[in-house]
Amino acid sequence: MRDTRRSRMILVLLLAISFALITVDIRGGRNSPVSHVRDWASAVFGPAEEATADAVDPIGRAIDAVRDAGSHEDEKKKLQQENARLRQELENIELDRNRVAELDRLLRVAAVGQYKIKPARVVAVGAAQSFSWTVTIDAGSGDGIKPDMTVVNGEGLVGRVTSVGPMTATVLLATDPGFSVGSRMAGSMEIGITTGQGDRPMKLSLLNGQAQVKTGDRLVTFGSQGGRPFVPGVPVGEVTEIRATPGALTKTVEVKPFVKFTSLDTVGVVVEPPRTDPRDAVLPPAPGQQQPPAPVAPAAATPATTPPASGKPQANGRPPKNEPTTGRD
C-alpha cells in the first residue's frame, strides 16, 4: 500500500514539474531559461531518436503496406473486371457490325435473285466423326424449313437442307464429298456437275468434254425442278485450274467456291424459288467491272413544239398564237 501511494505521489510531482517547465519555456520564448537544457537534451538524445526512427520507419512502412495491400488488390480486381467488360463490349460491337454486313449482302442476293428466304445463323458444326461437312442452323420446321431447300449467304451457295427439327436444321455444305449440284457457266451457258472435295477445291465435270473453259470463268446453279433442292442462278464459284485428263477427252476443272466455309455465320434458306431464272444477275461483278447502277425511271417527256408556218420561230422561241403544237390532242 505504501509503495503504491509513494509511486503515485512521485508521478504527480513529475507531471507538475513538467507542466511548470513547459509553461516557463513557452512564456520565455527564445529567452527561455530552459532553452539551454532543451538544446543539451536535443544534442544528447537526437541521434538516438534518429537511429530509432530509422529502425522503426521500415517496419511502419511495412505495416502500412500490409494494411493497404488488401485495398490495392481490390482496386486491381475492379480495374481488371472493368477492362474485361470493355473488351467484351468492343468484341460484341465488332461482331454485330460483321453480322449486319453479312445480312446486308444476303438481302441483296435475295433481292436480285428474287428468292424468298428465311435468315438463320450457324449454331453448330457437324462432328468430325461423321465424316461429312455439315452445320446446324437455328431455324426449323416451325420457320417453314423443309428438307432439300437451298441454303445461301451473301457470297453464294452454302449447301442444302438434309434434315429438319422443330427449331433447328442440318445443312450439308457444298464442300462435302457427297455434295453435287448442276451448274452452268456464265456467258457460254455450258452445263456440268460440280461436286465437293472436302478441304480441296470443288470439281466441275462438263457434259460437253470439248467445251471451251478458261481460268476465271464463273458458275451458277442450273436449278432443279420446282426449285428443290436447288434454285437457279445462285453463284457457285470460279474456275481456278484446268488440267487435261490422261487417256480421256475430258478436262479436270477445279472451282474455288465463292463462300468462305470456315467463317459461316449468317445464312438464308430459300423457302420459295424465283418465278423466273435470274441467270447471271446474282453473280458479283467480275474483277475490274463495276457494280451496275440501279435502274432509274425515265424522265417525263417534254412536249415538242411545231414551228410556225413560215418555218421561222418567233424571237422568244415560242410558236405563234393560234398555231397548234405536237404532242397534244
Protein backbone atom coordinates (compact mmCIF):
# COMPACT_ATOMS: atom_id res chain seq x y z
CA MET A 1 0.00 0.00 0.00
CA ARG A 2 2.82 2.40 0.88
CA ASP A 3 4.69 1.68 -2.33
CA THR A 4 1.62 2.40 -4.38
CA ARG A 5 0.92 5.75 -2.72
CA ARG A 6 4.56 6.78 -2.98
CA SER A 7 4.64 5.94 -6.71
CA ARG A 8 1.54 7.98 -7.29
CA MET A 9 2.96 10.94 -5.40
CA ILE A 10 6.18 10.80 -7.44
CA LEU A 11 4.21 10.60 -10.68
CA VAL A 12 2.06 13.58 -9.74
CA LEU A 13 5.16 15.56 -8.73
CA LEU A 14 6.90 14.81 -12.05
CA LEU A 15 3.84 15.83 -14.03
CA ALA A 16 3.62 19.10 -12.10
CA ILE A 17 7.27 19.82 -12.72
CA SER A 18 6.82 19.03 -16.44
CA PHE A 19 3.86 21.37 -16.79
CA ALA A 20 5.76 24.08 -14.95
CA LEU A 21 8.77 23.75 -17.21
CA ILE A 22 6.58 23.75 -20.32
CA THR A 23 4.81 26.88 -19.15
CA VAL A 24 8.08 28.67 -18.37
CA ASP A 25 9.54 27.60 -21.74
CA ILE A 26 6.52 28.85 -23.70
CA ARG A 27 6.39 32.20 -21.94
CA GLY A 28 10.12 32.73 -22.21
CA GLY A 29 10.23 32.12 -25.98
CA ARG A 30 13.75 32.43 -27.30
CA ASN A 31 14.95 33.75 -23.92
CA SER A 32 13.51 30.81 -22.05
CA PRO A 33 15.71 29.77 -19.05
CA VAL A 34 15.31 26.13 -20.05
CA SER A 35 16.41 26.66 -23.67
CA HIS A 36 19.94 25.56 -22.82
CA VAL A 37 18.57 22.42 -21.19
CA ARG A 38 16.43 21.75 -24.28
CA ASP A 39 19.40 22.21 -26.60
CA TRP A 40 21.53 19.92 -24.46
CA ALA A 41 18.82 17.25 -24.41
CA SER A 42 18.41 17.54 -28.17
CA ALA A 43 22.13 17.11 -28.71
CA VAL A 44 22.27 14.10 -26.40
CA PHE A 45 19.06 12.29 -27.33
CA GLY A 46 18.71 13.48 -31.00
CA PRO A 47 20.99 10.85 -32.55
CA ALA A 48 19.27 8.14 -30.56
CA GLU A 49 15.87 9.35 -31.76
CA GLU A 50 17.05 9.43 -35.39
CA ALA A 51 18.50 5.93 -35.12
CA THR A 52 15.30 4.70 -33.54
CA ALA A 53 13.24 6.38 -36.26
CA ASP A 54 15.43 4.90 -39.00
CA ALA A 55 14.98 1.47 -37.49
CA VAL A 56 11.24 1.84 -36.90
CA ASP A 57 10.28 3.57 -40.20
CA PRO A 58 10.72 0.47 -42.43
CA ILE A 59 8.65 -1.50 -40.00
CA GLY A 60 5.97 1.18 -40.06
CA ARG A 61 6.02 1.32 -43.83
CA ALA A 62 5.77 -2.46 -44.00
CA ILE A 63 2.80 -2.39 -41.65
CA ASP A 64 1.16 0.33 -43.79
CA ALA A 65 1.86 -1.69 -46.95
CA VAL A 66 0.30 -4.80 -45.42
CA ARG A 67 -2.68 -2.75 -44.28
CA ASP A 68 -3.11 -1.15 -47.72
CA ALA A 69 -2.42 -4.34 -49.70
CA GLY A 70 -5.98 -5.50 -49.35
CA SER A 71 -7.45 -2.26 -50.70
CA HIS A 72 -4.92 -2.18 -53.58
CA GLU A 73 -5.76 -5.76 -54.51
CA ASP A 74 -9.47 -4.94 -54.55
CA GLU A 75 -8.81 -1.92 -56.76
CA LYS A 76 -6.72 -4.06 -59.10
CA LYS A 77 -9.51 -6.63 -59.40
CA LYS A 78 -12.04 -3.89 -60.13
CA LEU A 79 -9.82 -2.47 -62.88
CA GLN A 80 -9.30 -5.93 -64.39
CA GLN A 81 -13.05 -6.58 -64.38
CA GLU A 82 -13.71 -3.19 -65.98
CA ASN A 83 -11.12 -3.86 -68.69
CA ALA A 84 -12.63 -7.27 -69.38
CA ARG A 85 -16.11 -5.74 -69.65
CA LEU A 86 -14.95 -3.03 -72.04
CA ARG A 87 -13.04 -5.56 -74.15
CA GLN A 88 -16.16 -7.74 -74.37
CA GLU A 89 -18.25 -4.76 -75.43
CA LEU A 90 -15.77 -3.93 -78.20
CA GLU A 91 -15.83 -7.54 -79.42
CA ASN A 92 -19.64 -7.55 -79.41
CA ILE A 93 -19.72 -4.31 -81.40
CA GLU A 94 -17.34 -5.75 -83.98
CA LEU A 95 -19.37 -8.98 -84.15
CA ASP A 96 -22.61 -7.06 -84.61
CA ARG A 97 -21.00 -4.93 -87.32
CA ASN A 98 -19.90 -8.06 -89.21
CA ARG A 99 -23.33 -9.66 -88.90
CA VAL A 100 -25.05 -6.54 -90.17
CA ALA A 101 -22.74 -6.53 -93.19
CA GLU A 102 -23.41 -10.24 -93.83
CA LEU A 103 -27.16 -9.73 -93.55
CA ASP A 104 -26.98 -6.78 -95.93
CA ARG A 105 -25.18 -8.90 -98.57
CA LEU A 106 -27.64 -11.75 -98.03
CA LEU A 107 -30.62 -9.46 -98.57
CA ARG A 108 -29.02 -8.12 -101.76
CA VAL A 109 -28.64 -11.67 -103.12
CA ALA A 110 -32.26 -12.42 -102.23
CA ALA A 111 -33.49 -9.21 -103.88
CA VAL A 112 -31.52 -9.65 -107.12
CA GLY A 113 -32.32 -13.36 -107.40
CA GLN A 114 -35.96 -12.85 -106.32
CA TYR A 115 -35.56 -15.55 -103.67
CA LYS A 116 -37.84 -15.62 -100.65
CA ILE A 117 -35.52 -16.51 -97.79
CA LYS A 118 -35.58 -17.25 -94.09
CA PRO A 119 -32.45 -15.80 -92.40
CA ALA A 120 -30.72 -18.05 -89.88
CA ARG A 121 -27.45 -18.36 -88.01
CA VAL A 122 -24.99 -21.22 -87.82
CA VAL A 123 -25.02 -22.53 -84.25
CA ALA A 124 -23.00 -25.76 -84.54
CA VAL A 125 -20.62 -27.62 -86.82
CA GLY A 126 -21.01 -31.31 -87.63
CA ALA A 127 -18.87 -33.75 -85.67
CA ALA A 128 -15.67 -34.84 -87.37
CA GLN A 129 -16.56 -38.47 -86.65
CA SER A 130 -19.46 -38.26 -89.10
CA PHE A 131 -17.01 -37.78 -92.00
CA SER A 132 -19.34 -35.15 -93.50
CA TRP A 133 -19.25 -31.40 -93.83
CA THR A 134 -22.41 -30.19 -92.12
CA VAL A 135 -23.60 -27.31 -89.95
CA THR A 136 -26.65 -26.76 -87.77
CA ILE A 137 -28.74 -23.60 -88.16
CA ASP A 138 -31.22 -22.07 -85.69
CA ALA A 139 -34.28 -22.40 -87.95
CA GLY A 140 -36.51 -25.44 -88.27
CA SER A 141 -39.92 -26.70 -89.29
CA GLY A 142 -41.56 -24.01 -87.19
CA ASP A 143 -39.98 -21.46 -89.53
CA GLY A 144 -41.15 -23.18 -92.69
CA ILE A 145 -37.88 -25.02 -93.32
CA LYS A 146 -38.11 -28.35 -95.18
CA PRO A 147 -35.56 -30.88 -96.41
CA ASP A 148 -33.95 -30.26 -99.81
CA MET A 149 -34.10 -26.47 -99.62
CA THR A 150 -31.24 -24.34 -100.94
CA VAL A 151 -29.08 -22.53 -98.39
CA VAL A 152 -27.21 -19.37 -99.44
CA ASN A 153 -25.36 -16.44 -97.92
CA GLY A 154 -24.13 -13.10 -99.24
CA GLU A 155 -21.41 -14.76 -101.34
CA GLY A 156 -23.32 -17.63 -102.93
CA LEU A 157 -24.22 -21.31 -102.48
CA VAL A 158 -23.72 -22.72 -98.97
CA GLY A 159 -25.45 -26.10 -99.35
CA ARG A 160 -28.82 -27.78 -98.95
CA VAL A 161 -31.00 -28.79 -96.01
CA THR A 162 -30.83 -32.51 -95.24
CA SER A 163 -32.82 -32.88 -92.03
CA VAL A 164 -35.18 -30.64 -90.08
CA GLY A 165 -36.22 -30.45 -86.45
CA PRO A 166 -38.75 -28.18 -84.77
CA MET A 167 -36.23 -25.41 -84.09
CA THR A 168 -33.04 -26.40 -85.95
CA ALA A 169 -31.98 -27.91 -89.27
CA THR A 170 -28.90 -29.65 -90.63
CA VAL A 171 -27.24 -28.28 -93.76
CA LEU A 172 -24.92 -30.33 -95.99
CA LEU A 173 -22.20 -27.97 -97.16
CA ALA A 174 -21.25 -27.67 -100.82
CA THR A 175 -17.71 -28.78 -99.96
CA ASP A 176 -18.85 -32.22 -98.76
CA PRO A 177 -17.57 -35.05 -101.00
CA GLY A 178 -21.14 -36.34 -101.27
CA PHE A 179 -22.49 -32.99 -102.50
CA SER A 180 -23.30 -32.43 -106.20
CA VAL A 181 -25.09 -29.58 -107.91
CA GLY A 182 -25.99 -28.89 -111.52
CA SER A 183 -24.05 -25.83 -112.66
CA ARG A 184 -23.99 -23.54 -115.66
CA MET A 185 -21.07 -21.45 -116.83
CA ALA A 186 -21.77 -17.74 -117.07
CA GLY A 187 -21.55 -16.50 -120.65
CA SER A 188 -21.04 -19.78 -122.52
CA MET A 189 -24.08 -21.44 -120.88
CA GLU A 190 -22.23 -24.78 -120.76
CA ILE A 191 -23.75 -27.20 -118.25
CA GLY A 192 -21.96 -29.55 -115.86
CA ILE A 193 -21.96 -31.12 -112.42
CA THR A 194 -19.96 -29.53 -109.60
CA THR A 195 -19.04 -31.77 -106.68
CA GLY A 196 -17.40 -31.10 -103.32
CA GLN A 197 -13.97 -32.41 -102.36
CA GLY A 198 -13.71 -31.53 -98.68
CA ASP A 199 -10.94 -29.01 -97.98
CA ARG A 200 -9.85 -29.11 -101.64
CA PRO A 201 -11.40 -27.02 -104.44
CA MET A 202 -14.65 -28.28 -105.93
CA LYS A 203 -14.54 -30.27 -109.19
CA LEU A 204 -16.53 -29.46 -112.33
CA SER A 205 -17.47 -32.15 -114.85
CA LEU A 206 -18.85 -30.58 -118.04
CA LEU A 207 -21.40 -32.51 -120.09
CA ASN A 208 -19.55 -31.35 -123.20
CA GLY A 209 -16.00 -32.56 -122.83
CA GLN A 210 -14.88 -30.31 -125.67
CA ALA A 211 -16.43 -27.16 -124.21
CA GLN A 212 -14.17 -24.15 -124.03
CA VAL A 213 -13.36 -23.23 -120.44
CA LYS A 214 -10.72 -20.91 -119.05
CA THR A 215 -9.43 -19.73 -115.70
CA GLY A 216 -11.69 -17.08 -114.24
CA ASP A 217 -14.92 -18.48 -115.69
CA ARG A 218 -17.71 -18.39 -113.11
CA LEU A 219 -20.52 -20.81 -112.33
CA VAL A 220 -24.09 -20.51 -111.08
CA THR A 221 -26.58 -23.19 -110.12
CA PHE A 222 -28.60 -24.61 -113.01
CA GLY A 223 -31.68 -25.16 -110.85
CA SER A 224 -33.90 -28.16 -110.07
CA GLN A 225 -37.49 -28.99 -110.87
CA GLY A 226 -39.67 -26.93 -108.55
CA GLY A 227 -36.61 -25.22 -107.08
CA ARG A 228 -35.66 -28.15 -104.83
CA PRO A 229 -33.04 -28.99 -103.85
CA PHE A 230 -31.52 -26.09 -105.81
CA VAL A 231 -32.91 -22.82 -107.10
CA PRO A 232 -31.34 -21.34 -110.27
CA GLY A 233 -28.83 -18.52 -110.53
CA VAL A 234 -27.02 -18.91 -107.18
CA PRO A 235 -23.26 -18.17 -107.52
CA VAL A 236 -21.20 -21.35 -107.02
CA GLY A 237 -17.57 -20.47 -107.67
CA GLU A 238 -14.79 -19.54 -110.07
CA VAL A 239 -12.59 -21.77 -112.23
CA THR A 240 -9.03 -21.72 -110.88
CA GLU A 241 -7.30 -24.60 -112.69
CA ILE A 242 -7.80 -26.72 -115.81
CA ARG A 243 -5.92 -29.97 -116.33
CA ALA A 244 -6.05 -32.46 -119.17
CA THR A 245 -7.14 -35.95 -118.11
CA PRO A 246 -4.65 -38.59 -119.33
CA GLY A 247 -6.24 -41.04 -121.73
CA ALA A 248 -9.53 -39.14 -121.89
CA LEU A 249 -11.06 -36.35 -123.91
CA THR A 250 -12.44 -34.56 -120.85
CA LYS A 251 -10.68 -31.99 -118.68
CA THR A 252 -10.34 -31.78 -114.91
CA VAL A 253 -11.68 -28.39 -113.88
CA GLU A 254 -11.17 -27.12 -110.32
CA VAL A 255 -13.51 -24.50 -108.91
CA LYS A 256 -12.91 -22.22 -105.93
CA PRO A 257 -16.22 -21.62 -104.10
CA PHE A 258 -17.33 -18.04 -103.55
CA VAL A 259 -18.40 -18.89 -100.00
CA LYS A 260 -15.81 -18.95 -97.19
CA PHE A 261 -16.97 -22.06 -95.35
CA THR A 262 -14.56 -21.60 -92.44
CA SER A 263 -16.33 -18.41 -91.28
CA LEU A 264 -20.02 -19.13 -91.81
CA ASP A 265 -22.41 -17.22 -89.56
CA THR A 266 -25.47 -15.65 -91.19
CA VAL A 267 -27.18 -17.70 -93.91
CA GLY A 268 -30.54 -17.78 -95.64
CA VAL A 269 -32.77 -20.73 -96.52
CA VAL A 270 -34.66 -20.24 -99.79
CA VAL A 271 -38.23 -21.12 -98.87
CA GLU A 272 -39.67 -20.03 -102.23
CA PRO A 273 -37.87 -20.11 -105.62
CA PRO A 274 -37.93 -17.20 -108.06
CA ARG A 275 -40.63 -17.04 -110.73
CA THR A 276 -38.01 -16.61 -113.44
CA ASP A 277 -34.40 -17.74 -113.72
CA PRO A 278 -32.16 -14.81 -112.68
CA ARG A 279 -29.43 -16.21 -114.96
CA ASP A 280 -26.14 -14.48 -114.09
CA ALA A 281 -27.65 -11.44 -112.35
CA VAL A 282 -26.71 -12.61 -108.86
CA LEU A 283 -23.03 -13.05 -109.69
CA PRO A 284 -20.75 -10.41 -108.12
CA PRO A 285 -19.04 -8.03 -110.56
CA ALA A 286 -16.04 -9.53 -112.32
CA PRO A 287 -12.61 -8.11 -111.38
CA GLY A 288 -12.28 -4.66 -112.91
CA GLN A 289 -16.01 -4.43 -113.52
CA GLN A 290 -18.16 -2.03 -111.54
CA GLN A 291 -21.48 -2.92 -109.98
CA PRO A 292 -24.21 -2.00 -112.48
CA PRO A 293 -26.18 1.06 -111.31
CA ALA A 294 -29.76 0.66 -110.20
CA PRO A 295 -32.29 1.33 -112.96
CA VAL A 296 -33.59 4.88 -112.98
CA ALA A 297 -37.14 5.73 -114.01
CA PRO A 298 -37.19 7.67 -117.30
CA ALA A 299 -37.89 11.38 -117.03
CA ALA A 300 -41.23 12.68 -118.23
CA ALA A 301 -41.15 13.72 -121.90
CA THR A 302 -41.42 17.42 -122.69
CA PRO A 303 -43.97 18.22 -125.41
CA ALA A 304 -42.26 19.27 -128.65
CA THR A 305 -43.34 22.38 -130.49
CA THR A 306 -44.24 22.83 -134.14
CA PRO A 307 -42.50 25.74 -135.87
CA PRO A 308 -44.69 28.44 -137.37
CA ALA A 309 -45.94 28.10 -140.94
CA SER A 310 -43.27 30.45 -142.20
CA GLY A 311 -40.65 27.98 -140.94
CA LYS A 312 -39.11 30.66 -138.70
CA PRO A 313 -39.65 30.62 -134.96
CA GLN A 314 -40.51 33.77 -133.10
CA ALA A 315 -37.77 35.65 -131.32
CA ASN A 316 -38.87 34.34 -127.92
CA GLY A 317 -38.69 30.72 -129.13
CA ARG A 318 -42.44 30.16 -128.78
CA PRO A 319 -44.76 29.25 -131.66
CA PRO A 320 -47.05 31.98 -132.89
CA LYS A 321 -50.52 32.21 -131.46
CA ASN A 322 -53.30 30.08 -132.91
CA GLU A 323 -50.65 27.57 -134.11
CA PRO A 324 -51.14 24.01 -132.71
CA THR A 325 -48.26 22.11 -131.04
CA THR A 326 -47.46 18.42 -131.48
CA GLY A 327 -47.77 16.00 -128.62
CA ARG A 328 -51.21 17.35 -127.71
CA ASP A 329 -54.58 16.06 -128.81
